[in-house]
């Protein structure tokens, strides 16, 4: 399974992805397990989190990052600073 991919958002990339049409998700500081039934692409416009995969890989990301989670990923989210993100499945 491919890993989590992160890139810095640029205005051009955000327009290309059409993030204004994506849903918005918010989460306070917390910890929870999650499994991705589909690929998710998200853009964090606030906050910071660390995701730990089943294999023990820790990936940290935050404000200004575009993150792609592969289908089938099982992980634990640690929301370090309250997160607001736009997200798209598929």
PDB file of N, CA and C in Angstrom:
ATOM      1  N   UNK A   1       0.850  -1.179   0.000  1.00  0.00           N
ATOM      2  CA  UNK A   1       0.000   0.000   0.000  1.00  0.00           C
ATOM      3  C   UNK A   1       0.894   1.240   0.000  1.00  0.00           C
ATOM      4  N   UNK A   2       0.617   2.195  -0.883  1.00  0.00           N
ATOM      5  CA  UNK A   2       1.411   3.433  -0.862  1.00  0.00           C
ATOM      6  C   UNK A   2       1.178   4.180   0.442  1.00  0.00           C
ATOM      7  N   UNK A   3       2.137   4.995   0.827  1.00  0.00           N
ATOM      8  CA  UNK A   3       2.030   5.719   2.083  1.00  0.00           C
ATOM      9  C   UNK A   3       1.271   7.027   1.955  1.00  0.00           C
ATOM     10  N   UNK A   4       1.262   7.760   3.053  1.00  0.00           N
ATOM     11  CA  UNK A   4       0.638   9.077   3.111  1.00  0.00           C
ATOM     12  C   UNK A   4       1.537  10.046   2.352  1.00  0.00           C
ATOM     13  N   UNK A   5       0.927  10.880   1.511  1.00  0.00           N
ATOM     14  CA  UNK A   5       1.691  11.864   0.739  1.00  0.00           C
ATOM     15  C   UNK A   5       1.316  13.265   1.208  1.00  0.00           C
ATOM     16  N   UNK A   6       2.337  14.123   1.333  1.00  0.00           N
ATOM     17  CA  UNK A   6       2.129  15.496   1.787  1.00  0.00           C
ATOM     18  C   UNK A   6       2.835  16.439   0.829  1.00  0.00           C
ATOM     19  N   UNK A   7       2.160  17.541   0.505  1.00  0.00           N
ATOM     20  CA  UNK A   7       2.802  18.609  -0.257  1.00  0.00           C
ATOM     21  C   UNK A   7       2.273  19.941   0.255  1.00  0.00           C
ATOM     22  N   UNK A   8       3.076  20.991   0.101  1.00  0.00           N
ATOM     23  CA  UNK A   8       2.646  22.329   0.489  1.00  0.00           C
ATOM     24  C   UNK A   8       1.668  22.852  -0.557  1.00  0.00           C
ATOM     25  N   UNK A   9       0.584  23.438  -0.073  1.00  0.00           N
ATOM     26  CA  UNK A   9      -0.427  23.993  -0.967  1.00  0.00           C
ATOM     27  C   UNK A   9       0.079  25.289  -1.589  1.00  0.00           C
ATOM     28  N   UNK A  10      -0.242  25.477  -2.855  1.00  0.00           N
ATOM     29  CA  UNK A  10      -0.023  26.750  -3.536  1.00  0.00           C
ATOM     30  C   UNK A  10      -1.384  27.216  -4.042  1.00  0.00           C
ATOM     31  N   UNK A  11      -1.544  28.505  -4.269  1.00  0.00           N
ATOM     32  CA  UNK A  11      -2.831  28.963  -4.811  1.00  0.00           C
ATOM     33  C   UNK A  11      -3.197  28.240  -6.114  1.00  0.00           C
ATOM     34  N   UNK A  12      -2.202  27.974  -6.951  1.00  0.00           N
ATOM     35  CA  UNK A  12      -2.453  27.275  -8.216  1.00  0.00           C
ATOM     36  C   UNK A  12      -2.947  25.854  -7.980  1.00  0.00           C
ATOM     37  N   UNK A  13      -2.315  25.150  -7.059  1.00  0.00           N
ATOM     38  CA  UNK A  13      -2.707  23.769  -6.763  1.00  0.00           C
ATOM     39  C   UNK A  13      -4.114  23.723  -6.174  1.00  0.00           C
ATOM     40  N   UNK A  14      -4.436  24.651  -5.276  1.00  0.00           N
ATOM     41  CA  UNK A  14      -5.768  24.687  -4.662  1.00  0.00           C
ATOM     42  C   UNK A  14      -6.842  24.944  -5.714  1.00  0.00           C
ATOM     43  N   UNK A  15      -6.542  25.835  -6.684  1.00  0.00           N
ATOM     44  CA  UNK A  15      -7.498  26.067  -7.775  1.00  0.00           C
ATOM     45  C   UNK A  15      -7.639  24.823  -8.636  1.00  0.00           C
ATOM     46  N   UNK A  16      -6.511  24.184  -8.942  1.00  0.00           N
ATOM     47  CA  UNK A  16      -6.527  22.963  -9.767  1.00  0.00           C
ATOM     48  C   UNK A  16      -7.374  21.871  -9.108  1.00  0.00           C
ATOM     49  N   UNK A  17      -7.259  21.723  -7.799  1.00  0.00           N
ATOM     50  CA  UNK A  17      -8.019  20.711  -7.067  1.00  0.00           C
ATOM     51  C   UNK A  17      -9.468  21.132  -6.819  1.00  0.00           C
ATOM     52  N   UNK A  18      -9.761  22.420  -6.995  1.00  0.00           N
ATOM     53  CA  UNK A  18     -11.108  22.960  -6.780  1.00  0.00           C
ATOM     54  C   UNK A  18     -11.576  22.735  -5.335  1.00  0.00           C
ATOM     55  N   UNK A  19     -10.693  23.063  -4.376  1.00  0.00           N
ATOM     56  CA  UNK A  19     -10.979  22.774  -2.966  1.00  0.00           C
ATOM     57  C   UNK A  19     -12.188  23.533  -2.423  1.00  0.00           C
ATOM     58  N   UNK A  20     -12.572  24.636  -3.061  1.00  0.00           N
ATOM     59  CA  UNK A  20     -13.742  25.377  -2.582  1.00  0.00           C
ATOM     60  C   UNK A  20     -15.019  24.537  -2.652  1.00  0.00           C
ATOM     61  N   UNK A  21     -15.020  23.480  -3.460  1.00  0.00           N
ATOM     62  CA  UNK A  21     -16.196  22.608  -3.589  1.00  0.00           C
ATOM     63  C   UNK A  21     -16.155  21.428  -2.605  1.00  0.00           C
ATOM     64  N   UNK A  22     -15.046  21.252  -1.902  1.00  0.00           N
ATOM     65  CA  UNK A  22     -14.903  20.136  -0.975  1.00  0.00           C
ATOM     66  C   UNK A  22     -15.630  20.412   0.333  1.00  0.00           C
ATOM     67  N   UNK A  23     -15.914  19.329   1.075  1.00  0.00           N
ATOM     68  CA  UNK A  23     -16.522  19.460   2.394  1.00  0.00           C
ATOM     69  C   UNK A  23     -15.532  20.021   3.401  1.00  0.00           C
ATOM     70  N   UNK A  24     -16.051  20.482   4.534  1.00  0.00           N
ATOM     71  CA  UNK A  24     -15.217  21.009   5.617  1.00  0.00           C
ATOM     72  C   UNK A  24     -15.373  20.099   6.830  1.00  0.00           C
ATOM     73  N   UNK A  25     -14.259  19.783   7.474  1.00  0.00           N
ATOM     74  CA  UNK A  25     -14.242  18.945   8.678  1.00  0.00           C
ATOM     75  C   UNK A  25     -13.456  19.686   9.743  1.00  0.00           C
ATOM     76  N   UNK A  26     -13.964  19.660  10.969  1.00  0.00           N
ATOM     77  CA  UNK A  26     -13.299  20.296  12.099  1.00  0.00           C
ATOM     78  C   UNK A  26     -13.153  19.291  13.230  1.00  0.00           C
ATOM     79  N   UNK A  27     -12.060  19.407  13.977  1.00  0.00           N
ATOM     80  CA  UNK A  27     -11.834  18.499  15.099  1.00  0.00           C
ATOM     81  C   UNK A  27     -11.000  19.199  16.163  1.00  0.00           C
ATOM     82  N   UNK A  28     -11.436  19.088  17.399  1.00  0.00           N
ATOM     83  CA  UNK A  28     -10.686  19.633  18.531  1.00  0.00           C
ATOM     84  C   UNK A  28      -9.509  18.697  18.850  1.00  0.00           C
ATOM     85  N   UNK A  29      -8.655  19.119  19.758  1.00  0.00           N
ATOM     86  CA  UNK A  29      -7.533  18.288  20.202  1.00  0.00           C
ATOM     87  C   UNK A  29      -8.105  16.960  20.701  1.00  0.00           C
ATOM     88  N   UNK A  30      -7.616  15.869  20.131  1.00  0.00           N
ATOM     89  CA  UNK A  30      -8.154  14.547  20.468  1.00  0.00           C
ATOM     90  C   UNK A  30      -7.267  13.462  19.886  1.00  0.00           C
ATOM     91  N   UNK A  31      -7.631  12.214  20.176  1.00  0.00           N
ATOM     92  CA  UNK A  31      -6.952  11.040  19.630  1.00  0.00           C
ATOM     93  C   UNK A  31      -8.017  10.026  19.259  1.00  0.00           C
ATOM     94  N   UNK A  32      -7.893   9.447  18.041  1.00  0.00           N
ATOM     95  CA  UNK A  32      -8.883   8.456  17.610  1.00  0.00           C
ATOM     96  C   UNK A  32      -8.299   7.573  16.514  1.00  0.00           C
ATOM     97  N   UNK A  33      -8.840   6.363  16.409  1.00  0.00           N
ATOM     98  CA  UNK A  33      -8.460   5.428  15.349  1.00  0.00           C
ATOM     99  C   UNK A  33      -9.317   5.698  14.124  1.00  0.00           C
ATOM    100  N   UNK A  34      -8.739   5.462  12.932  1.00  0.00           N
ATOM    101  CA  UNK A  34      -9.469   5.698  11.695  1.00  0.00           C
ATOM    102  C   UNK A  34      -9.011   4.720  10.627  1.00  0.00           C
ATOM    103  N   UNK A  35      -9.954   4.345   9.752  1.00  0.00           N
ATOM    104  CA  UNK A  35      -9.639   3.498   8.596  1.00  0.00           C
ATOM    105  C   UNK A  35     -10.235   4.153   7.359  1.00  0.00           C
ATOM    106  N   UNK A  36      -9.447   4.232   6.296  1.00  0.00           N
ATOM    107  CA  UNK A  36      -9.879   4.879   5.051  1.00  0.00           C
ATOM    108  C   UNK A  36     -10.444   3.841   4.095  1.00  0.00           C
ATOM    109  N   UNK A  37     -11.769   3.910   3.871  1.00  0.00           N
ATOM    110  CA  UNK A  37     -12.443   3.020   2.921  1.00  0.00           C
ATOM    111  C   UNK A  37     -12.202   3.479   1.486  1.00  0.00           C
ATOM    112  N   UNK A  38     -11.849   4.751   1.332  1.00  0.00           N
ATOM    113  CA  UNK A  38     -11.545   5.337   0.032  1.00  0.00           C
ATOM    114  C   UNK A  38     -10.313   6.221   0.192  1.00  0.00           C
ATOM    115  N   UNK A  39      -9.689   6.555  -0.924  1.00  0.00           N
ATOM    116  CA  UNK A  39      -8.606   7.535  -0.896  1.00  0.00           C
ATOM    117  C   UNK A  39      -9.202   8.882  -0.481  1.00  0.00           C
ATOM    118  N   UNK A  40      -8.503   9.597   0.399  1.00  0.00           N
ATOM    119  CA  UNK A  40      -8.927  10.945   0.787  1.00  0.00           C
ATOM    120  C   UNK A  40      -7.808  11.923   0.493  1.00  0.00           C
ATOM    121  N   UNK A  41      -8.173  13.042  -0.120  1.00  0.00           N
ATOM    122  CA  UNK A  41      -7.269  14.165  -0.291  1.00  0.00           C
ATOM    123  C   UNK A  41      -7.827  15.297   0.548  1.00  0.00           C
ATOM    124  N   UNK A  42      -6.968  15.932   1.349  1.00  0.00           N
ATOM    125  CA  UNK A  42      -7.439  17.031   2.173  1.00  0.00           C
ATOM    126  C   UNK A  42      -6.423  18.164   2.182  1.00  0.00           C
ATOM    127  N   UNK A  43      -6.929  19.348   2.496  1.00  0.00           N
ATOM    128  CA  UNK A  43      -6.105  20.542   2.641  1.00  0.00           C
ATOM    129  C   UNK A  43      -6.389  21.119   4.019  1.00  0.00           C
ATOM    130  N   UNK A  44      -5.359  21.168   4.871  1.00  0.00           N
ATOM    131  CA  UNK A  44      -5.519  21.746   6.206  1.00  0.00           C
ATOM    132  C   UNK A  44      -5.334  23.253   6.115  1.00  0.00           C
ATOM    133  N   UNK A  45      -6.352  23.991   6.541  1.00  0.00           N
ATOM    134  CA  UNK A  45      -6.188  25.440   6.564  1.00  0.00           C
ATOM    135  C   UNK A  45      -6.059  25.964   7.986  1.00  0.00           C
ATOM    136  N   UNK A  46      -6.162  25.062   8.965  1.00  0.00           N
ATOM    137  CA  UNK A  46      -5.860  25.380  10.367  1.00  0.00           C
ATOM    138  C   UNK A  46      -5.445  24.101  11.069  1.00  0.00           C
ATOM    139  N   UNK A  47      -4.559  24.252  12.058  1.00  0.00           N
ATOM    140  CA  UNK A  47      -4.261  23.145  12.956  1.00  0.00           C
ATOM    141  C   UNK A  47      -3.038  22.327  12.620  1.00  0.00           C
ATOM    142  N   UNK A  48      -2.905  21.247  13.397  1.00  0.00           N
ATOM    143  CA  UNK A  48      -1.766  20.335  13.248  1.00  0.00           C
ATOM    144  C   UNK A  48      -2.153  18.971  13.796  1.00  0.00           C
ATOM    145  N   UNK A  49      -1.685  17.920  13.126  1.00  0.00           N
ATOM    146  CA  UNK A  49      -1.974  16.550  13.563  1.00  0.00           C
ATOM    147  C   UNK A  49      -0.801  15.641  13.239  1.00  0.00           C
ATOM    148  N   UNK A  50      -0.749  14.532  13.951  1.00  0.00           N
ATOM    149  CA  UNK A  50       0.196  13.458  13.671  1.00  0.00           C
ATOM    150  C   UNK A  50      -0.617  12.194  13.473  1.00  0.00           C
ATOM    151  N   UNK A  51      -0.360  11.485  12.388  1.00  0.00           N
ATOM    152  CA  UNK A  51      -1.032  10.213  12.112  1.00  0.00           C
ATOM    153  C   UNK A  51       0.013   9.112  12.235  1.00  0.00           C
ATOM    154  N   UNK A  52      -0.333   8.062  12.974  1.00  0.00           N
ATOM    155  CA  UNK A  52       0.543   6.898  13.120  1.00  0.00           C
ATOM    156  C   UNK A  52      -0.131   5.720  12.430  1.00  0.00           C
ATOM    157  N   UNK A  53       0.567   5.129  11.449  1.00  0.00           N
ATOM    158  CA  UNK A  53       0.003   4.010  10.708  1.00  0.00           C
ATOM    159  C   UNK A  53       0.135   2.725  11.522  1.00  0.00           C
ATOM    160  N   UNK A  54      -0.590   1.690  11.088  1.00  0.00           N
ATOM    161  CA  UNK A  54      -0.489   0.374  11.749  1.00  0.00           C
ATOM    162  C   UNK A  54       0.946  -0.126  11.794  1.00  0.00           C
ATOM    163  N   UNK A  55       1.728   0.245  10.783  1.00  0.00           N
ATOM    164  CA  UNK A  55       3.124  -0.178  10.719  1.00  0.00           C
ATOM    165  C   UNK A  55       4.063   0.649  11.571  1.00  0.00           C
ATOM    166  N   UNK A  56       3.523   1.679  12.255  1.00  0.00           N
ATOM    167  CA  UNK A  56       4.331   2.486  13.158  1.00  0.00           C
ATOM    168  C   UNK A  56       4.905   3.756  12.540  1.00  0.00           C
ATOM    169  N   UNK A  57       4.624   4.025  11.261  1.00  0.00           N
ATOM    170  CA  UNK A  57       5.109   5.251  10.627  1.00  0.00           C
ATOM    171  C   UNK A  57       4.338   6.445  11.187  1.00  0.00           C
ATOM    172  N   UNK A  58       5.074   7.485  11.623  1.00  0.00           N
ATOM    173  CA  UNK A  58       4.442   8.702  12.126  1.00  0.00           C
ATOM    174  C   UNK A  58       4.603   9.793  11.076  1.00  0.00           C
ATOM    175  N   UNK A  59       3.474  10.423  10.739  1.00  0.00           N
ATOM    176  CA  UNK A  59       3.477  11.482   9.740  1.00  0.00           C
ATOM    177  C   UNK A  59       2.811  12.707  10.355  1.00  0.00           C
ATOM    178  N   UNK A  60       3.548  13.831  10.393  1.00  0.00           N
ATOM    179  CA  UNK A  60       3.008  15.062  10.966  1.00  0.00           C
ATOM    180  C   UNK A  60       2.707  16.042   9.832  1.00  0.00           C
ATOM    181  N   UNK A  61       1.594  16.739   9.952  1.00  0.00           N
ATOM    182  CA  UNK A  61       1.213  17.719   8.946  1.00  0.00           C
ATOM    183  C   UNK A  61       0.405  18.812   9.614  1.00  0.00           C
ATOM    184  N   UNK A  62       0.277  19.937   8.918  1.00  0.00           N
ATOM    185  CA  UNK A  62      -0.426  21.060   9.518  1.00  0.00           C
ATOM    186  C   UNK A  62      -0.883  22.071   8.499  1.00  0.00           C
ATOM    187  N   UNK A  63      -1.170  23.263   9.007  1.00  0.00           N
ATOM    188  CA  UNK A  63      -1.728  24.339   8.203  1.00  0.00           C
ATOM    189  C   UNK A  63      -0.931  24.535   6.916  1.00  0.00           C
ATOM    190  N   UNK A  64      -1.653  24.546   5.793  1.00  0.00           N
ATOM    191  CA  UNK A  64      -1.023  24.762   4.500  1.00  0.00           C
ATOM    192  C   UNK A  64      -0.622  23.499   3.770  1.00  0.00           C
ATOM    193  N   UNK A  65      -0.831  22.339   4.386  1.00  0.00           N
ATOM    194  CA  UNK A  65      -0.458  21.068   3.751  1.00  0.00           C
ATOM    195  C   UNK A  65      -1.645  20.443   3.021  1.00  0.00           C
ATOM    196  N   UNK A  66      -1.345  19.853   1.870  1.00  0.00           N
ATOM    197  CA  UNK A  66      -2.275  18.968   1.164  1.00  0.00           C
ATOM    198  C   UNK A  66      -1.813  17.558   1.494  1.00  0.00           C
ATOM    199  N   UNK A  67      -2.728  16.737   1.993  1.00  0.00           N
ATOM    200  CA  UNK A  67      -2.380  15.389   2.431  1.00  0.00           C
ATOM    201  C   UNK A  67      -3.263  14.384   1.694  1.00  0.00           C
ATOM    202  N   UNK A  68      -2.640  13.301   1.211  1.00  0.00           N
ATOM    203  CA  UNK A  68      -3.383  12.232   0.543  1.00  0.00           C
ATOM    204  C   UNK A  68      -3.221  10.957   1.362  1.00  0.00           C
ATOM    205  N   UNK A  69      -4.366  10.406   1.795  1.00  0.00           N
ATOM    206  CA  UNK A  69      -4.390   9.154   2.553  1.00  0.00           C
ATOM    207  C   UNK A  69      -4.864   8.049   1.614  1.00  0.00           C
ATOM    208  N   UNK A  70      -4.103   6.953   1.494  1.00  0.00           N
ATOM    209  CA  UNK A  70      -4.502   5.887   0.568  1.00  0.00           C
ATOM    210  C   UNK A  70      -5.674   5.052   1.087  1.00  0.00           C
ATOM    211  N   UNK A  71      -6.445   4.522   0.164  1.00  0.00           N
ATOM    212  CA  UNK A  71      -7.531   3.592   0.493  1.00  0.00           C
ATOM    213  C   UNK A  71      -6.952   2.410   1.261  1.00  0.00           C
ATOM    214  N   UNK A  72      -7.643   1.998   2.317  1.00  0.00           N
ATOM    215  CA  UNK A  72      -7.216   0.851   3.112  1.00  0.00           C
ATOM    216  C   UNK A  72      -6.326   1.188   4.285  1.00  0.00           C
ATOM    217  N   UNK A  73      -5.873   2.438   4.398  1.00  0.00           N
ATOM    218  CA  UNK A  73      -4.993   2.835   5.496  1.00  0.00           C
ATOM    219  C   UNK A  73      -5.723   2.739   6.830  1.00  0.00           C
ATOM    220  N   UNK A  74      -5.076   2.095   7.804  1.00  0.00           N
ATOM    221  CA  UNK A  74      -5.559   2.055   9.185  1.00  0.00           C
ATOM    222  C   UNK A  74      -4.548   2.831  10.015  1.00  0.00           C
ATOM    223  N   UNK A  75      -5.051   3.758  10.835  1.00  0.00           N
ATOM    224  CA  UNK A  75      -4.131   4.633  11.548  1.00  0.00           C
ATOM    225  C   UNK A  75      -4.775   5.200  12.805  1.00  0.00           C
ATOM    226  N   UNK A  76      -3.957   5.908  13.571  1.00  0.00           N
ATOM    227  CA  UNK A  76      -4.423   6.649  14.736  1.00  0.00           C
ATOM    228  C   UNK A  76      -4.091   8.117  14.510  1.00  0.00           C
ATOM    229  N   UNK A  77      -5.108   8.943  14.651  1.00  0.00           N
ATOM    230  CA  UNK A  77      -4.945  10.393  14.551  1.00  0.00           C
ATOM    231  C   UNK A  77      -4.682  10.961  15.943  1.00  0.00           C
ATOM    232  N   UNK A  78      -3.673  11.820  16.051  1.00  0.00           N
ATOM    233  CA  UNK A  78      -3.438  12.645  17.233  1.00  0.00           C
ATOM    234  C   UNK A  78      -3.557  14.093  16.767  1.00  0.00           C
ATOM    235  N   UNK A  79      -4.670  14.731  17.112  1.00  0.00           N
ATOM    236  CA  UNK A  79      -4.890  16.124  16.736  1.00  0.00           C
ATOM    237  C   UNK A  79      -4.226  16.975  17.813  1.00  0.00           C
ATOM    238  N   UNK A  80      -3.094  17.613  17.445  1.00  0.00           N
ATOM    239  CA  UNK A  80      -2.283  18.377  18.399  1.00  0.00           C
ATOM    240  C   UNK A  80      -2.783  19.807  18.582  1.00  0.00           C
ATOM    241  N   UNK A  81      -3.298  20.399  17.512  1.00  0.00           N
ATOM    242  CA  UNK A  81      -3.913  21.730  17.527  1.00  0.00           C
ATOM    243  C   UNK A  81      -5.217  21.589  16.761  1.00  0.00           C
ATOM    244  N   UNK A  82      -6.302  22.225  17.202  1.00  0.00           N
ATOM    245  CA  UNK A  82      -7.589  22.056  16.525  1.00  0.00           C
ATOM    246  C   UNK A  82      -7.456  22.192  14.999  1.00  0.00           C
ATOM    247  N   UNK A  83      -8.055  21.233  14.295  1.00  0.00           N
ATOM    248  CA  UNK A  83      -7.925  21.132  12.842  1.00  0.00           C
ATOM    249  C   UNK A  83      -9.202  21.592  12.153  1.00  0.00           C
ATOM    250  N   UNK A  84      -9.011  22.335  11.069  1.00  0.00           N
ATOM    251  CA  UNK A  84     -10.079  22.618  10.101  1.00  0.00           C
ATOM    252  C   UNK A  84      -9.484  22.271   8.744  1.00  0.00           C
ATOM    253  N   UNK A  85     -10.203  21.463   7.994  1.00  0.00           N
ATOM    254  CA  UNK A  85      -9.684  21.046   6.693  1.00  0.00           C
ATOM    255  C   UNK A  85     -10.816  20.937   5.691  1.00  0.00           C
ATOM    256  N   UNK A  86     -10.444  21.027   4.426  1.00  0.00           N
ATOM    257  CA  UNK A  86     -11.326  20.698   3.324  1.00  0.00           C
ATOM    258  C   UNK A  86     -10.929  19.292   2.891  1.00  0.00           C
ATOM    259  N   UNK A  87     -11.907  18.477   2.499  1.00  0.00           N
ATOM    260  CA  UNK A  87     -11.602  17.081   2.159  1.00  0.00           C
ATOM    261  C   UNK A  87     -12.422  16.615   0.975  1.00  0.00           C
ATOM    262  N   UNK A  88     -11.858  15.601   0.288  1.00  0.00           N
ATOM    263  CA  UNK A  88     -12.509  15.006  -0.877  1.00  0.00           C
ATOM    264  C   UNK A  88     -12.158  13.522  -0.910  1.00  0.00           C
ATOM    265  N   UNK A  89     -13.161  12.667  -1.088  1.00  0.00           N
ATOM    266  CA  UNK A  89     -12.930  11.224  -1.193  1.00  0.00           C
ATOM    267  C   UNK A  89     -12.928  10.805  -2.665  1.00  0.00           C
ATOM    268  N   UNK A  90     -12.129   9.783  -2.958  1.00  0.00           N
ATOM    269  CA  UNK A  90     -12.101   9.229  -4.300  1.00  0.00           C
ATOM    270  C   UNK A  90     -10.881   9.637  -5.076  1.00  0.00           C
TER     271      UNK A  90
END
